[in-house]
Amino acid sequence: SQQVCIMCLCILCQGSIVAITVTVIAVVLLVFGVAAYLKIRHSSYGRLLDDHDYGSWGNYNNPLYDDS
């Protein structure tokens, strides 16, 4: 009976260690994801994300082929 209890305790400990590890990894990935998203939003690329003309190339000027 005592051995079964110790075995259950070890299984519970291993399960909680796995759960804590997965939770920590998920939180770290979430924090890095939010940080990267905010960095993109506040950089010069943020204007591109806010632009609603996703399929429009009409306003695109390529400096290599600019005739002006």
PDB file of N, CA and C in Angstrom:
ATOM      1  N   SER A   1       0.831  -1.198   0.000  1.00  0.00           N
ATOM      2  CA  SER A   1       0.000   0.000   0.000  1.00  0.00           C
ATOM      3  C   SER A   1       0.874   1.260   0.000  1.00  0.00           C
ATOM      4  N   GLN A   2       1.904   1.230   0.832  1.00  0.00           N
ATOM      5  CA  GLN A   2       2.780   2.396   0.895  1.00  0.00           C
ATOM      6  C   GLN A   2       3.586   2.540  -0.401  1.00  0.00           C
ATOM      7  N   GLN A   3       4.004   1.393  -0.990  1.00  0.00           N
ATOM      8  CA  GLN A   3       4.741   1.451  -2.250  1.00  0.00           C
ATOM      9  C   GLN A   3       3.869   2.013  -3.365  1.00  0.00           C
ATOM     10  N   VAL A   4       2.591   1.614  -3.381  1.00  0.00           N
ATOM     11  CA  VAL A   4       1.664   2.122  -4.396  1.00  0.00           C
ATOM     12  C   VAL A   4       1.509   3.623  -4.239  1.00  0.00           C
ATOM     13  N   CYS A   5       1.410   4.085  -3.011  1.00  0.00           N
ATOM     14  CA  CYS A   5       1.249   5.518  -2.752  1.00  0.00           C
ATOM     15  C   CYS A   5       2.488   6.284  -3.215  1.00  0.00           C
ATOM     16  N   ILE A   6       3.688   5.746  -2.922  1.00  0.00           N
ATOM     17  CA  ILE A   6       4.928   6.401  -3.351  1.00  0.00           C
ATOM     18  C   ILE A   6       5.004   6.425  -4.873  1.00  0.00           C
ATOM     19  N   MET A   7       4.576   5.302  -5.504  1.00  0.00           N
ATOM     20  CA  MET A   7       4.598   5.236  -6.963  1.00  0.00           C
ATOM     21  C   MET A   7       3.634   6.263  -7.551  1.00  0.00           C
ATOM     22  N   CYS A   8       2.442   6.381  -6.967  1.00  0.00           N
ATOM     23  CA  CYS A   8       1.474   7.375  -7.447  1.00  0.00           C
ATOM     24  C   CYS A   8       2.037   8.781  -7.270  1.00  0.00           C
ATOM     25  N   LEU A   9       2.713   9.015  -6.162  1.00  0.00           N
ATOM     26  CA  LEU A   9       3.292  10.332  -5.909  1.00  0.00           C
ATOM     27  C   LEU A   9       4.352  10.658  -6.955  1.00  0.00           C
ATOM     28  N   CYS A  10       5.179   9.663  -7.315  1.00  0.00           N
ATOM     29  CA  CYS A  10       6.200   9.883  -8.343  1.00  0.00           C
ATOM     30  C   CYS A  10       5.553  10.180  -9.687  1.00  0.00           C
ATOM     31  N   ILE A  11       4.493   9.451 -10.025  1.00  0.00           N
ATOM     32  CA  ILE A  11       3.798   9.682 -11.294  1.00  0.00           C
ATOM     33  C   ILE A  11       3.184  11.082 -11.298  1.00  0.00           C
ATOM     34  N   LEU A  12       2.585  11.469 -10.175  1.00  0.00           N
ATOM     35  CA  LEU A  12       1.996  12.808 -10.084  1.00  0.00           C
ATOM     36  C   LEU A  12       3.083  13.874 -10.200  1.00  0.00           C
ATOM     37  N   CYS A  13       4.227  13.633  -9.570  1.00  0.00           N
ATOM     38  CA  CYS A  13       5.323  14.599  -9.651  1.00  0.00           C
ATOM     39  C   CYS A  13       5.821  14.717 -11.084  1.00  0.00           C
ATOM     40  N   GLN A  14       5.987  13.582 -11.764  1.00  0.00           N
ATOM     41  CA  GLN A  14       6.447  13.621 -13.146  1.00  0.00           C
ATOM     42  C   GLN A  14       5.424  14.326 -14.028  1.00  0.00           C
ATOM     43  N   GLY A  15       4.157  14.046 -13.799  1.00  0.00           N
ATOM     44  CA  GLY A  15       3.109  14.707 -14.577  1.00  0.00           C
ATOM     45  C   GLY A  15       3.101  16.199 -14.347  1.00  0.00           C
ATOM     46  N   SER A  16       3.286  16.605 -13.088  1.00  0.00           N
ATOM     47  CA  SER A  16       3.280  18.041 -12.800  1.00  0.00           C
ATOM     48  C   SER A  16       4.530  18.710 -13.363  1.00  0.00           C
ATOM     49  N   ILE A  17       5.652  17.993 -13.369  1.00  0.00           N
ATOM     50  CA  ILE A  17       6.873  18.556 -13.960  1.00  0.00           C
ATOM     51  C   ILE A  17       6.673  18.770 -15.455  1.00  0.00           C
ATOM     52  N   VAL A  18       6.064  17.786 -16.114  1.00  0.00           N
ATOM     53  CA  VAL A  18       5.783  17.924 -17.545  1.00  0.00           C
ATOM     54  C   VAL A  18       4.827  19.085 -17.779  1.00  0.00           C
ATOM     55  N   ALA A  19       3.781  19.179 -16.956  1.00  0.00           N
ATOM     56  CA  ALA A  19       2.801  20.257 -17.113  1.00  0.00           C
ATOM     57  C   ALA A  19       3.457  21.621 -16.899  1.00  0.00           C
ATOM     58  N   ILE A  20       4.296  21.729 -15.881  1.00  0.00           N
ATOM     59  CA  ILE A  20       4.974  23.001 -15.611  1.00  0.00           C
ATOM     60  C   ILE A  20       5.919  23.350 -16.760  1.00  0.00           C
ATOM     61  N   THR A  21       6.652  22.350 -17.261  1.00  0.00           N
ATOM     62  CA  THR A  21       7.581  22.592 -18.370  1.00  0.00           C
ATOM     63  C   THR A  21       6.842  23.068 -19.611  1.00  0.00           C
ATOM     64  N   VAL A  22       5.752  22.383 -19.946  1.00  0.00           N
ATOM     65  CA  VAL A  22       4.966  22.771 -21.121  1.00  0.00           C
ATOM     66  C   VAL A  22       4.397  24.170 -20.934  1.00  0.00           C
ATOM     67  N   THR A  23       3.916  24.477 -19.736  1.00  0.00           N
ATOM     68  CA  THR A  23       3.355  25.799 -19.463  1.00  0.00           C
ATOM     69  C   THR A  23       4.421  26.888 -19.590  1.00  0.00           C
ATOM     70  N   VAL A  24       5.604  26.635 -19.044  1.00  0.00           N
ATOM     71  CA  VAL A  24       6.685  27.628 -19.125  1.00  0.00           C
ATOM     72  C   VAL A  24       7.085  27.863 -20.579  1.00  0.00           C
ATOM     73  N   ILE A  25       7.210  26.772 -21.361  1.00  0.00           N
ATOM     74  CA  ILE A  25       7.568  26.917 -22.774  1.00  0.00           C
ATOM     75  C   ILE A  25       6.496  27.712 -23.511  1.00  0.00           C
ATOM     76  N   ALA A  26       5.217  27.408 -23.232  1.00  0.00           N
ATOM     77  CA  ALA A  26       4.125  28.120 -23.895  1.00  0.00           C
ATOM     78  C   ALA A  26       4.148  29.606 -23.541  1.00  0.00           C
ATOM     79  N   VAL A  27       4.393  29.928 -22.275  1.00  0.00           N
ATOM     80  CA  VAL A  27       4.427  31.331 -21.847  1.00  0.00           C
ATOM     81  C   VAL A  27       5.599  32.062 -22.502  1.00  0.00           C
ATOM     82  N   VAL A  28       6.766  31.410 -22.559  1.00  0.00           N
ATOM     83  CA  VAL A  28       7.938  32.041 -23.181  1.00  0.00           C
ATOM     84  C   VAL A  28       7.679  32.303 -24.663  1.00  0.00           C
ATOM     85  N   LEU A  29       7.108  31.309 -25.362  1.00  0.00           N
ATOM     86  CA  LEU A  29       6.799  31.500 -26.781  1.00  0.00           C
ATOM     87  C   LEU A  29       5.776  32.611 -26.971  1.00  0.00           C
ATOM     88  N   LEU A  30       4.786  32.676 -26.087  1.00  0.00           N
ATOM     89  CA  LEU A  30       3.772  33.722 -26.177  1.00  0.00           C
ATOM     90  C   LEU A  30       4.397  35.100 -25.973  1.00  0.00           C
ATOM     91  N   VAL A  31       5.274  35.215 -24.986  1.00  0.00           N
ATOM     92  CA  VAL A  31       5.923  36.500 -24.713  1.00  0.00           C
ATOM     93  C   VAL A  31       6.779  36.936 -25.906  1.00  0.00           C
ATOM     94  N   PHE A  32       7.561  35.985 -26.457  1.00  0.00           N
ATOM     95  CA  PHE A  32       8.386  36.329 -27.621  1.00  0.00           C
ATOM     96  C   PHE A  32       7.519  36.675 -28.828  1.00  0.00           C
ATOM     97  N   GLY A  33       6.408  35.960 -28.995  1.00  0.00           N
ATOM     98  CA  GLY A  33       5.506  36.256 -30.108  1.00  0.00           C
ATOM     99  C   GLY A  33       4.905  37.642 -29.995  1.00  0.00           C
ATOM    100  N   VAL A  34       4.454  38.002 -28.799  1.00  0.00           N
ATOM    101  CA  VAL A  34       3.873  39.333 -28.582  1.00  0.00           C
ATOM    102  C   VAL A  34       4.945  40.405 -28.769  1.00  0.00           C
ATOM    103  N   ALA A  35       6.152  40.151 -28.264  1.00  0.00           N
ATOM    104  CA  ALA A  35       7.237  41.130 -28.414  1.00  0.00           C
ATOM    105  C   ALA A  35       7.583  41.335 -29.885  1.00  0.00           C
ATOM    106  N   ALA A  36       7.652  40.253 -30.643  1.00  0.00           N
ATOM    107  CA  ALA A  36       7.951  40.374 -32.074  1.00  0.00           C
ATOM    108  C   ALA A  36       6.831  41.108 -32.800  1.00  0.00           C
ATOM    109  N   TYR A  37       5.576  40.803 -32.442  1.00  0.00           N
ATOM    110  CA  TYR A  37       4.434  41.464 -33.074  1.00  0.00           C
ATOM    111  C   TYR A  37       4.460  42.963 -32.789  1.00  0.00           C
ATOM    112  N   LEU A  38       4.699  43.323 -31.532  1.00  0.00           N
ATOM    113  CA  LEU A  38       4.742  44.745 -31.176  1.00  0.00           C
ATOM    114  C   LEU A  38       5.923  45.437 -31.844  1.00  0.00           C
ATOM    115  N   LYS A  39       7.048  44.751 -31.951  1.00  0.00           N
ATOM    116  CA  LYS A  39       8.217  45.343 -32.618  1.00  0.00           C
ATOM    117  C   LYS A  39       7.909  45.615 -34.080  1.00  0.00           C
ATOM    118  N   ILE A  40       7.230  44.673 -34.735  1.00  0.00           N
ATOM    119  CA  ILE A  40       6.865  44.870 -36.140  1.00  0.00           C
ATOM    120  C   ILE A  40       5.852  46.011 -36.264  1.00  0.00           C
ATOM    121  N   ARG A  41       4.877  46.056 -35.351  1.00  0.00           N
ATOM    122  CA  ARG A  41       3.851  47.103 -35.416  1.00  0.00           C
ATOM    123  C   ARG A  41       4.455  48.492 -35.234  1.00  0.00           C
ATOM    124  N   HIS A  42       5.472  48.620 -34.389  1.00  0.00           N
ATOM    125  CA  HIS A  42       6.034  49.937 -34.096  1.00  0.00           C
ATOM    126  C   HIS A  42       7.217  50.288 -34.984  1.00  0.00           C
ATOM    127  N   SER A  43       7.610  49.373 -35.853  1.00  0.00           N
ATOM    128  CA  SER A  43       8.711  49.676 -36.759  1.00  0.00           C
ATOM    129  C   SER A  43       8.154  50.223 -38.065  1.00  0.00           C
ATOM    130  N   SER A  44       9.015  50.381 -39.039  1.00  0.00           N
ATOM    131  CA  SER A  44       8.576  50.918 -40.326  1.00  0.00           C
ATOM    132  C   SER A  44       7.672  49.937 -41.064  1.00  0.00           C
ATOM    133  N   TYR A  45       7.685  48.660 -40.648  1.00  0.00           N
ATOM    134  CA  TYR A  45       6.814  47.691 -41.296  1.00  0.00           C
ATOM    135  C   TYR A  45       5.371  47.815 -40.825  1.00  0.00           C
ATOM    136  N   GLY A  46       5.143  48.503 -39.718  1.00  0.00           N
ATOM    137  CA  GLY A  46       3.794  48.639 -39.193  1.00  0.00           C
ATOM    138  C   GLY A  46       2.856  49.310 -40.178  1.00  0.00           C
ATOM    139  N   ARG A  47       3.388  50.250 -40.970  1.00  0.00           N
ATOM    140  CA  ARG A  47       2.576  50.938 -41.966  1.00  0.00           C
ATOM    141  C   ARG A  47       2.075  49.960 -43.019  1.00  0.00           C
ATOM    142  N   LEU A  48       2.903  48.977 -43.361  1.00  0.00           N
ATOM    143  CA  LEU A  48       2.485  47.989 -44.349  1.00  0.00           C
ATOM    144  C   LEU A  48       1.372  47.106 -43.804  1.00  0.00           C
ATOM    145  N   LEU A  49       1.436  46.772 -42.503  1.00  0.00           N
ATOM    146  CA  LEU A  49       0.400  45.935 -41.913  1.00  0.00           C
ATOM    147  C   LEU A  49      -0.923  46.685 -41.812  1.00  0.00           C
ATOM    148  N   ASP A  50      -0.858  48.003 -41.616  1.00  0.00           N
ATOM    149  CA  ASP A  50      -2.079  48.791 -41.490  1.00  0.00           C
ATOM    150  C   ASP A  50      -2.708  49.105 -42.837  1.00  0.00           C
ATOM    151  N   ASP A  51      -1.956  48.956 -43.906  1.00  0.00           N
ATOM    152  CA  ASP A  51      -2.458  49.256 -45.241  1.00  0.00           C
ATOM    153  C   ASP A  51      -3.483  48.211 -45.646  1.00  0.00           C
ATOM    154  N   HIS A  52      -4.661  48.661 -46.109  1.00  0.00           N
ATOM    155  CA  HIS A  52      -5.734  47.723 -46.445  1.00  0.00           C
ATOM    156  C   HIS A  52      -5.719  47.307 -47.905  1.00  0.00           C
ATOM    157  N   ASP A  53      -4.862  47.886 -48.707  1.00  0.00           N
ATOM    158  CA  ASP A  53      -4.767  47.502 -50.115  1.00  0.00           C
ATOM    159  C   ASP A  53      -3.757  46.370 -50.257  1.00  0.00           C
ATOM    160  N   TYR A  54      -4.138  45.198 -49.744  1.00  0.00           N
ATOM    161  CA  TYR A  54      -3.188  44.092 -49.731  1.00  0.00           C
ATOM    162  C   TYR A  54      -2.859  43.603 -51.139  1.00  0.00           C
ATOM    163  N   GLY A  55      -3.854  43.603 -52.044  1.00  0.00           N
ATOM    164  CA  GLY A  55      -3.629  43.061 -53.369  1.00  0.00           C
ATOM    165  C   GLY A  55      -3.230  44.103 -54.386  1.00  0.00           C
ATOM    166  N   SER A  56      -3.074  45.333 -53.966  1.00  0.00           N
ATOM    167  CA  SER A  56      -2.809  46.414 -54.908  1.00  0.00           C
ATOM    168  C   SER A  56      -1.315  46.674 -55.023  1.00  0.00           C
ATOM    169  N   TRP A  57      -0.810  46.645 -56.268  1.00  0.00           N
ATOM    170  CA  TRP A  57       0.576  46.997 -56.531  1.00  0.00           C
ATOM    171  C   TRP A  57       0.651  48.374 -57.190  1.00  0.00           C
ATOM    172  N   GLY A  58      -0.485  49.083 -57.239  1.00  0.00           N
ATOM    173  CA  GLY A  58      -0.522  50.357 -57.940  1.00  0.00           C
ATOM    174  C   GLY A  58       0.358  51.413 -57.323  1.00  0.00           C
ATOM    175  N   ASN A  59       0.500  51.415 -56.015  1.00  0.00           N
ATOM    176  CA  ASN A  59       1.286  52.437 -55.337  1.00  0.00           C
ATOM    177  C   ASN A  59       2.720  52.003 -55.105  1.00  0.00           C
ATOM    178  N   TYR A  60       3.089  50.866 -55.637  1.00  0.00           N
ATOM    179  CA  TYR A  60       4.432  50.335 -55.388  1.00  0.00           C
ATOM    180  C   TYR A  60       5.433  50.942 -56.358  1.00  0.00           C
ATOM    181  N   ASN A  61       6.477  51.543 -55.826  1.00  0.00           N
ATOM    182  CA  ASN A  61       7.549  52.103 -56.649  1.00  0.00           C
ATOM    183  C   ASN A  61       8.833  51.348 -56.357  1.00  0.00           C
ATOM    184  N   ASN A  62       9.342  50.661 -57.362  1.00  0.00           N
ATOM    185  CA  ASN A  62      10.601  49.958 -57.205  1.00  0.00           C
ATOM    186  C   ASN A  62      11.726  50.929 -57.529  1.00  0.00           C
ATOM    187  N   PRO A  63      12.600  51.224 -56.574  1.00  0.00           N
ATOM    188  CA  PRO A  63      13.649  52.216 -56.833  1.00  0.00           C
ATOM    189  C   PRO A  63      14.623  51.783 -57.926  1.00  0.00           C
ATOM    190  N   LEU A  64      14.752  50.482 -58.188  1.00  0.00           N
ATOM    191  CA  LEU A  64      15.667  50.029 -59.239  1.00  0.00           C
ATOM    192  C   LEU A  64      15.128  50.335 -60.628  1.00  0.00           C
ATOM    193  N   TYR A  65      13.807  50.333 -60.767  1.00  0.00           N
ATOM    194  CA  TYR A  65      13.196  50.519 -62.080  1.00  0.00           C
ATOM    195  C   TYR A  65      12.386  51.809 -62.160  1.00  0.00           C
ATOM    196  N   ASP A  66      12.677  52.735 -61.275  1.00  0.00           N
ATOM    197  CA  ASP A  66      11.937  53.992 -61.263  1.00  0.00           C
ATOM    198  C   ASP A  66      12.422  54.876 -62.413  1.00  0.00           C
ATOM    199  N   ASP A  67      11.507  55.279 -63.299  1.00  0.00           N
ATOM    200  CA  ASP A  67      11.868  56.071 -64.480  1.00  0.00           C
ATOM    201  C   ASP A  67      12.089  57.546 -64.163  1.00  0.00           C
ATOM    202  N   SER A  68      11.570  58.011 -63.044  1.00  0.00           N
ATOM    203  CA  SER A  68      11.643  59.441 -62.755  1.00  0.00           C
ATOM    204  C   SER A  68      12.991  59.860 -62.216  1.00  0.00           C
TER     205      SER A  68
END
